[in-house]
């Protein structure tokens, strides 16, 4: 059963359903570039798509502008590749949202999934100024282990600069939050107690920091056949044991997996750097995840029949499907539909 089961589980899924079906809530996952300065050993991306072209950036702005009159909540999540390689686009679109929503009853949040290599003080301050205030940064253990798996594109390690950037945030006053996503593998598990203790003592006295423990998965990358992963049958016990090293006084410093995946939410949409529409940031090359395209005027063209399977968990009530809707469906032949934008309202 998923995390929504058990005591209180029904109410959690009810709240998720209400939020996910709200027309005044929009979650956009934007990939400003699908290039990356890392070559992590477990990565599933092929880096075949480059930076978002100006007409696609304009389409994103138009889409947001068309919706502003009805929106009360807008969350923009930046993904990649490494999104900070296209920080100019992140800033440009974020500034547009801040300016366009000025005076409106809009709650806007911006977050970035980043390897952290470019997340220096100047970058943090520039993005905070345009409403981007939340980051997820991955760590694979202490330096000698991290640098074996989170390798830069030039073959060199990444830990020291990443750690330096995290310390700069810790010592600064930027109004940001950072989730340290710690990847678990059979190779790094023996050193995790000491490493997690270091994270606790270094960062978790600061309420801006939290830790998310995540076992590495085989997600379709070229090294899947040789990659060793933590056994699924032992993961719950392993995670529970490791969380004890992250206990801090007064707050919960670890974050659980969400009971409902963003890809299952009707009001969440991914826009790739080439303007293709999707739901899942993992199954990038799966035809089931190619829903259509964004046009420069902000209109969306959807393939008929490709969106509904992602939302089927709400009808069935199956918690596993809601937690990961990417499994177990097939497609009809696509027919293109054009969804016109809502009329603009005076702001």
Protein backbone atom coordinates (compact mmCIF):
# COMPACT_ATOMS: atom_id res chain seq x y z
CA UNK A 1 0.00 0.00 0.00
CA UNK A 2 1.12 3.59 -0.58
CA UNK A 3 1.82 6.20 2.03
CA UNK A 4 -1.78 7.38 1.81
CA UNK A 5 -3.06 4.12 3.32
CA UNK A 6 -3.67 3.45 6.99
CA UNK A 7 -4.76 5.96 9.58
CA UNK A 8 -5.42 9.29 7.97
CA UNK A 9 -4.59 7.91 4.54
CA UNK A 10 -8.07 8.53 3.16
CA UNK A 11 -7.93 12.18 4.18
CA UNK A 12 -4.49 12.59 2.60
CA UNK A 13 -5.74 11.23 -0.74
CA UNK A 14 -8.88 13.36 -0.47
CA UNK A 15 -6.81 16.50 -0.01
CA UNK A 16 -4.60 15.43 -2.91
CA UNK A 17 -7.66 14.89 -5.12
CA UNK A 18 -9.12 18.29 -4.29
CA UNK A 19 -5.81 20.06 -4.93
CA UNK A 20 -5.05 18.13 -8.12
CA UNK A 21 -8.43 18.92 -9.68
CA UNK A 22 -8.44 22.64 -8.95
CA UNK A 23 -8.60 24.82 -12.07
CA UNK A 24 -7.02 27.73 -10.23
CA UNK A 25 -3.84 25.72 -9.53
CA UNK A 26 -1.15 25.12 -12.15
CA UNK A 27 2.14 23.25 -11.85
CA UNK A 28 4.52 23.65 -14.78
CA UNK A 29 7.69 21.58 -15.02
CA UNK A 30 9.99 23.42 -17.43
CA UNK A 31 13.18 22.06 -18.97
CA UNK A 32 15.11 25.16 -20.13
CA UNK A 33 17.87 22.88 -21.43
CA UNK A 34 18.32 19.13 -21.61
CA UNK A 35 22.10 19.39 -21.68
CA UNK A 36 24.10 18.70 -18.52
CA UNK A 37 27.56 19.38 -17.12
CA UNK A 38 27.46 16.01 -15.30
CA UNK A 39 27.47 12.42 -16.50
CA UNK A 40 26.12 10.56 -13.47
CA UNK A 41 26.57 6.82 -13.78
CA UNK A 42 22.87 6.04 -13.19
CA UNK A 43 21.47 8.83 -15.40
CA UNK A 44 18.72 7.87 -17.85
CA UNK A 45 18.86 10.99 -20.06
CA UNK A 46 20.52 11.03 -23.50
CA UNK A 47 21.14 14.82 -23.79
CA UNK A 48 19.80 14.81 -27.36
CA UNK A 49 17.86 18.07 -26.88
CA UNK A 50 19.58 21.41 -26.40
CA UNK A 51 18.52 24.77 -24.99
CA UNK A 52 14.95 26.03 -25.19
CA UNK A 53 14.53 28.17 -28.28
CA UNK A 54 13.20 31.76 -27.98
CA UNK A 55 9.86 30.88 -29.56
CA UNK A 56 9.32 28.12 -26.98
CA UNK A 57 10.21 30.53 -24.16
CA UNK A 58 7.66 32.95 -25.61
CA UNK A 59 5.09 30.16 -25.75
CA UNK A 60 5.64 29.45 -22.04
CA UNK A 61 5.06 33.10 -21.21
CA UNK A 62 1.93 33.24 -23.37
CA UNK A 63 0.54 30.10 -21.76
CA UNK A 64 1.04 31.60 -18.30
CA UNK A 65 -0.40 34.94 -19.39
CA UNK A 66 -3.54 33.25 -20.73
CA UNK A 67 -4.09 31.54 -17.37
CA UNK A 68 -3.24 34.35 -14.97
CA UNK A 69 -6.78 35.67 -14.73
CA UNK A 70 -8.05 32.42 -13.20
CA UNK A 71 -4.99 31.20 -11.30
CA UNK A 72 -4.54 31.48 -7.57
CA UNK A 73 -1.52 29.16 -7.27
CA UNK A 74 1.31 28.81 -9.79
CA UNK A 75 4.28 26.54 -9.12
CA UNK A 76 7.08 26.48 -11.69
CA UNK A 77 9.58 23.63 -11.30
CA UNK A 78 12.82 23.84 -13.28
CA UNK A 79 14.32 20.55 -14.41
CA UNK A 80 16.83 19.36 -17.00
CA UNK A 81 19.50 18.28 -17.95
CA UNK A 82 20.97 20.86 -15.62
CA UNK A 83 18.59 23.83 -15.61
CA UNK A 84 21.17 26.30 -14.30
CA UNK A 85 23.09 25.93 -17.57
CA UNK A 86 20.18 27.98 -18.91
CA UNK A 87 19.85 30.27 -15.90
CA UNK A 88 19.05 33.18 -18.23
CA UNK A 89 15.80 31.43 -19.23
CA UNK A 90 15.00 30.59 -15.60
CA UNK A 91 15.43 34.26 -14.69
CA UNK A 92 13.57 35.55 -17.75
CA UNK A 93 10.44 33.44 -17.28
CA UNK A 94 10.45 33.88 -13.50
CA UNK A 95 10.73 37.65 -13.82
CA UNK A 96 7.84 37.59 -16.30
CA UNK A 97 5.68 35.69 -13.81
CA UNK A 98 6.53 38.05 -10.96
CA UNK A 99 5.79 41.14 -13.07
CA UNK A 100 2.65 39.74 -14.71
CA UNK A 101 1.23 38.56 -11.41
CA UNK A 102 1.98 41.79 -9.56
CA UNK A 103 -1.19 43.00 -7.87
CA UNK A 104 -3.07 39.79 -8.60
CA UNK A 105 -4.09 37.30 -5.92
CA UNK A 106 -1.51 34.80 -7.13
CA UNK A 107 0.70 32.65 -4.93
CA UNK A 108 3.78 31.89 -7.01
CA UNK A 109 6.62 29.54 -6.09
CA UNK A 110 9.67 28.56 -8.10
CA UNK A 111 11.91 25.56 -7.45
CA UNK A 112 14.91 23.96 -9.15
CA UNK A 113 16.18 20.39 -9.32
CA UNK A 114 19.92 20.95 -9.77
CA UNK A 115 23.22 19.17 -9.33
CA UNK A 116 24.29 22.26 -7.38
CA UNK A 117 27.57 22.82 -9.20
CA UNK A 118 26.55 26.30 -10.42
CA UNK A 119 24.55 27.18 -7.32
CA UNK A 120 26.93 29.78 -5.93
CA UNK A 121 25.94 32.81 -3.86
CA UNK A 122 25.43 35.08 -6.86
CA UNK A 123 23.14 32.55 -8.54
CA UNK A 124 21.09 32.02 -5.37
CA UNK A 125 20.60 35.75 -4.89
CA UNK A 126 19.71 36.39 -8.55
CA UNK A 127 17.07 33.67 -8.58
CA UNK A 128 15.66 34.57 -5.17
CA UNK A 129 15.02 38.06 -6.53
CA UNK A 130 12.60 36.57 -9.09
CA UNK A 131 10.83 34.17 -6.74
CA UNK A 132 12.91 31.02 -7.19
CA UNK A 133 13.56 30.01 -3.61
CA UNK A 134 13.57 26.20 -3.38
CA UNK A 135 16.25 23.72 -4.47
CA UNK A 136 16.75 19.98 -4.55
CA UNK A 137 20.41 18.98 -4.67
CA UNK A 138 21.70 15.40 -4.84
CA UNK A 139 24.53 13.87 -2.82
CA UNK A 140 25.84 10.32 -3.15
CA UNK A 141 27.76 10.12 0.10
CA UNK A 142 31.19 11.40 1.17
CA UNK A 143 33.56 12.83 -1.41
CA UNK A 144 35.32 9.63 -2.48
CA UNK A 145 32.00 7.90 -3.18
CA UNK A 146 30.09 10.89 -4.54
CA UNK A 147 32.83 11.55 -7.10
CA UNK A 148 32.60 8.00 -8.43
CA UNK A 149 28.94 8.33 -9.43
CA UNK A 150 28.20 12.06 -9.81
CA UNK A 151 30.91 12.68 -12.35
CA UNK A 152 31.32 15.89 -14.33
CA UNK A 153 31.19 15.74 -18.12
CA UNK A 154 34.98 16.24 -18.18
CA UNK A 155 35.42 13.14 -15.99
CA UNK A 156 36.35 15.01 -12.83
CA UNK A 157 34.66 14.98 -9.42
CA UNK A 158 31.97 17.42 -8.27
CA UNK A 159 31.77 17.08 -4.49
CA UNK A 160 34.08 19.86 -3.30
CA UNK A 161 32.46 22.66 -5.27
CA UNK A 162 28.97 21.40 -4.44
CA UNK A 163 29.79 21.25 -0.74
CA UNK A 164 31.27 24.74 -0.88
CA UNK A 165 28.07 26.06 -2.47
CA UNK A 166 25.91 24.42 0.17
CA UNK A 167 28.03 25.88 2.95
CA UNK A 168 27.70 29.32 1.37
CA UNK A 169 23.92 29.02 1.49
CA UNK A 170 24.13 27.81 5.10
CA UNK A 171 26.28 30.78 6.10
CA UNK A 172 24.23 33.28 4.09
CA UNK A 173 20.79 34.72 4.68
CA UNK A 174 19.07 34.03 1.38
CA UNK A 175 15.36 33.20 1.88
CA UNK A 176 15.65 29.76 0.29
CA UNK A 177 15.06 26.14 1.21
CA UNK A 178 17.32 23.25 0.19
CA UNK A 179 16.39 19.59 0.11
CA UNK A 180 19.50 17.43 0.19
CA UNK A 181 18.53 14.33 -1.79
CA UNK A 182 20.83 11.57 -0.59
CA UNK A 183 21.06 8.64 -2.99
CA UNK A 184 21.45 5.19 -1.48
CA UNK A 185 23.31 2.32 -3.14
CA UNK A 186 24.74 -0.94 -1.78
CA UNK A 187 28.20 0.61 -2.18
CA UNK A 188 27.55 3.67 -0.03
CA UNK A 189 25.27 2.17 2.66
CA UNK A 190 28.14 1.23 5.04
CA UNK A 191 29.29 4.87 5.14
CA UNK A 192 25.83 6.42 5.37
CA UNK A 193 25.57 6.59 9.18
CA UNK A 194 28.72 8.72 9.39
CA UNK A 195 27.79 10.80 6.35
CA UNK A 196 24.23 11.48 7.51
CA UNK A 197 25.57 12.48 10.91
CA UNK A 198 27.83 14.97 9.14
CA UNK A 199 24.86 16.37 7.21
CA UNK A 200 22.85 16.66 10.42
CA UNK A 201 25.60 18.46 12.29
CA UNK A 202 26.50 20.75 9.37
CA UNK A 203 23.12 21.72 7.95
CA UNK A 204 20.07 20.54 9.85
CA UNK A 205 20.23 23.05 12.67
CA UNK A 206 19.20 25.47 9.92
CA UNK A 207 15.45 25.06 9.21
CA UNK A 208 16.06 25.95 5.56
CA UNK A 209 17.67 22.53 5.04
CA UNK A 210 16.10 19.07 4.99
CA UNK A 211 17.15 15.62 3.76
CA UNK A 212 15.35 13.22 1.45
CA UNK A 213 16.66 9.64 1.37
CA UNK A 214 16.19 7.89 -1.99
CA UNK A 215 17.45 4.55 -3.22
CA UNK A 216 18.91 4.71 -6.73
CA UNK A 217 16.72 2.95 -9.32
CA UNK A 218 17.25 1.43 -12.74
CA UNK A 219 15.46 4.01 -14.88
CA UNK A 220 16.55 3.09 -18.38
CA UNK A 221 20.11 4.41 -18.45
CA UNK A 222 22.94 2.72 -20.35
CA UNK A 223 24.44 1.30 -17.12
CA UNK A 224 21.24 -0.31 -15.85
CA UNK A 225 22.48 -3.80 -16.66
CA UNK A 226 25.50 -3.52 -14.39
CA UNK A 227 24.13 -1.19 -11.73
CA UNK A 228 23.60 -2.56 -8.24
CA UNK A 229 20.58 -1.25 -6.32
CA UNK A 230 19.32 -1.61 -2.76
CA UNK A 231 16.96 -4.58 -2.51
CA UNK A 232 13.35 -3.41 -2.48
CA UNK A 233 12.38 -5.87 0.23
CA UNK A 234 14.85 -4.32 2.67
CA UNK A 235 14.40 -0.66 1.75
CA UNK A 236 11.75 0.27 4.33
CA UNK A 237 13.89 -1.09 7.17
CA UNK A 238 17.04 0.52 5.73
CA UNK A 239 15.37 3.92 5.37
CA UNK A 240 13.89 3.78 8.87
CA UNK A 241 17.28 2.91 10.34
CA UNK A 242 19.13 5.65 8.48
CA UNK A 243 16.58 8.31 9.44
CA UNK A 244 17.59 7.85 13.06
CA UNK A 245 20.91 9.52 12.24
CA UNK A 246 19.07 12.62 11.04
CA UNK A 247 16.99 13.27 14.14
CA UNK A 248 17.14 16.84 15.34
CA UNK A 249 15.50 18.56 18.26
CA UNK A 250 12.26 20.30 17.52
CA UNK A 251 11.56 19.39 13.90
CA UNK A 252 11.37 16.64 11.32
CA UNK A 253 14.36 17.12 9.05
CA UNK A 254 13.55 14.32 6.61
CA UNK A 255 10.98 14.44 3.81
CA UNK A 256 8.90 11.40 2.72
CA UNK A 257 7.92 10.39 -0.78
CA UNK A 258 4.68 12.05 -1.88
CA UNK A 259 1.66 9.69 -1.95
CA UNK A 260 0.61 11.08 -5.35
CA UNK A 261 3.06 11.64 -8.18
CA UNK A 262 3.00 15.01 -9.93
CA UNK A 263 2.45 13.09 -13.19
CA UNK A 264 -0.92 11.87 -11.90
CA UNK A 265 -2.18 15.39 -11.28
CA UNK A 266 -4.40 16.90 -14.00
CA UNK A 267 -3.08 20.39 -13.23
CA UNK A 268 0.60 19.44 -13.68
CA UNK A 269 2.31 19.58 -17.08
CA UNK A 270 5.90 19.18 -18.28
CA UNK A 271 7.24 21.31 -21.15
CA UNK A 272 10.50 20.07 -22.60
CA UNK A 273 13.19 22.28 -24.11
CA UNK A 274 11.94 21.44 -27.61
CA UNK A 275 8.36 22.39 -26.73
CA UNK A 276 7.05 18.83 -26.43
CA UNK A 277 4.49 18.24 -23.70
CA UNK A 278 4.70 15.42 -21.17
CA UNK A 279 3.83 14.31 -17.68
CA UNK A 280 6.87 12.41 -16.39
CA UNK A 281 10.45 13.69 -16.08
CA UNK A 282 11.81 10.13 -16.13
CA UNK A 283 10.17 8.50 -19.17
CA UNK A 284 11.34 11.23 -21.49
CA UNK A 285 11.65 9.06 -24.61
CA UNK A 286 8.57 6.90 -24.05
CA UNK A 287 5.91 7.62 -26.72
CA UNK A 288 3.31 7.45 -23.93
CA UNK A 289 4.96 10.54 -22.44
CA UNK A 290 4.81 12.58 -25.66
CA UNK A 291 1.45 14.29 -25.21
CA UNK A 292 1.74 17.00 -27.87
CA UNK A 293 3.38 20.39 -28.23
CA UNK A 294 3.40 23.96 -27.00
CA UNK A 295 3.09 26.59 -29.72
CA UNK A 296 4.62 30.10 -29.61
CA UNK A 297 1.19 31.70 -29.04
CA UNK A 298 0.70 29.65 -25.87
CA UNK A 299 -1.77 27.17 -27.32
CA UNK A 300 -1.38 23.47 -26.58
CA UNK A 301 -1.81 20.72 -29.17
CA UNK A 302 -2.50 17.35 -27.54
CA UNK A 303 -2.44 13.87 -29.02
CA UNK A 304 -5.89 12.38 -28.52
CA UNK A 305 -5.87 9.56 -25.98
CA UNK A 306 -2.46 10.17 -24.46
CA UNK A 307 -3.39 12.26 -21.44
CA UNK A 308 -6.16 10.12 -19.95
CA UNK A 309 -3.97 7.12 -18.96
CA UNK A 310 -1.84 9.35 -16.73
CA UNK A 311 -4.96 10.35 -14.77
CA UNK A 312 -6.57 6.91 -14.48
CA UNK A 313 -5.59 6.49 -10.82
CA UNK A 314 -8.20 9.00 -9.72
CA UNK A 315 -10.94 6.90 -11.27
CA UNK A 316 -9.66 3.55 -10.01
CA UNK A 317 -8.51 4.83 -6.63
CA UNK A 318 -5.46 2.58 -6.89
CA UNK A 319 -2.72 4.04 -4.70
CA UNK A 320 0.12 2.42 -6.65
CA UNK A 321 -1.14 3.99 -9.87
CA UNK A 322 -1.42 7.39 -8.19
CA UNK A 323 2.10 7.02 -6.81
CA UNK A 324 3.51 6.11 -10.25
CA UNK A 325 1.11 6.36 -13.21
CA UNK A 326 3.85 5.57 -15.75
CA UNK A 327 3.36 1.80 -15.49
CA UNK A 328 1.01 -0.42 -17.42
CA UNK A 329 -0.86 1.37 -20.17
CA UNK A 330 -0.88 1.42 -23.97
CA UNK A 331 -1.78 4.08 -26.48
CA UNK A 332 -4.09 4.56 -29.39
CA UNK A 333 -2.84 6.08 -32.62
CA UNK A 334 -2.45 9.82 -31.99
CA UNK A 335 -4.86 12.39 -33.34
CA UNK A 336 -3.86 16.01 -32.82
CA UNK A 337 -6.27 18.23 -30.94
CA UNK A 338 -5.78 21.98 -30.52
CA UNK A 339 -6.73 23.49 -27.19
CA UNK A 340 -7.35 27.25 -27.60
CA UNK A 341 -6.16 29.54 -24.83
CA UNK A 342 -8.59 31.08 -22.40
CA UNK A 343 -9.35 34.71 -23.24
CA UNK A 344 -7.07 37.25 -21.61
CA UNK A 345 -8.48 39.22 -18.73
CA UNK A 346 -7.50 42.74 -17.72
CA UNK A 347 -4.92 42.75 -14.97
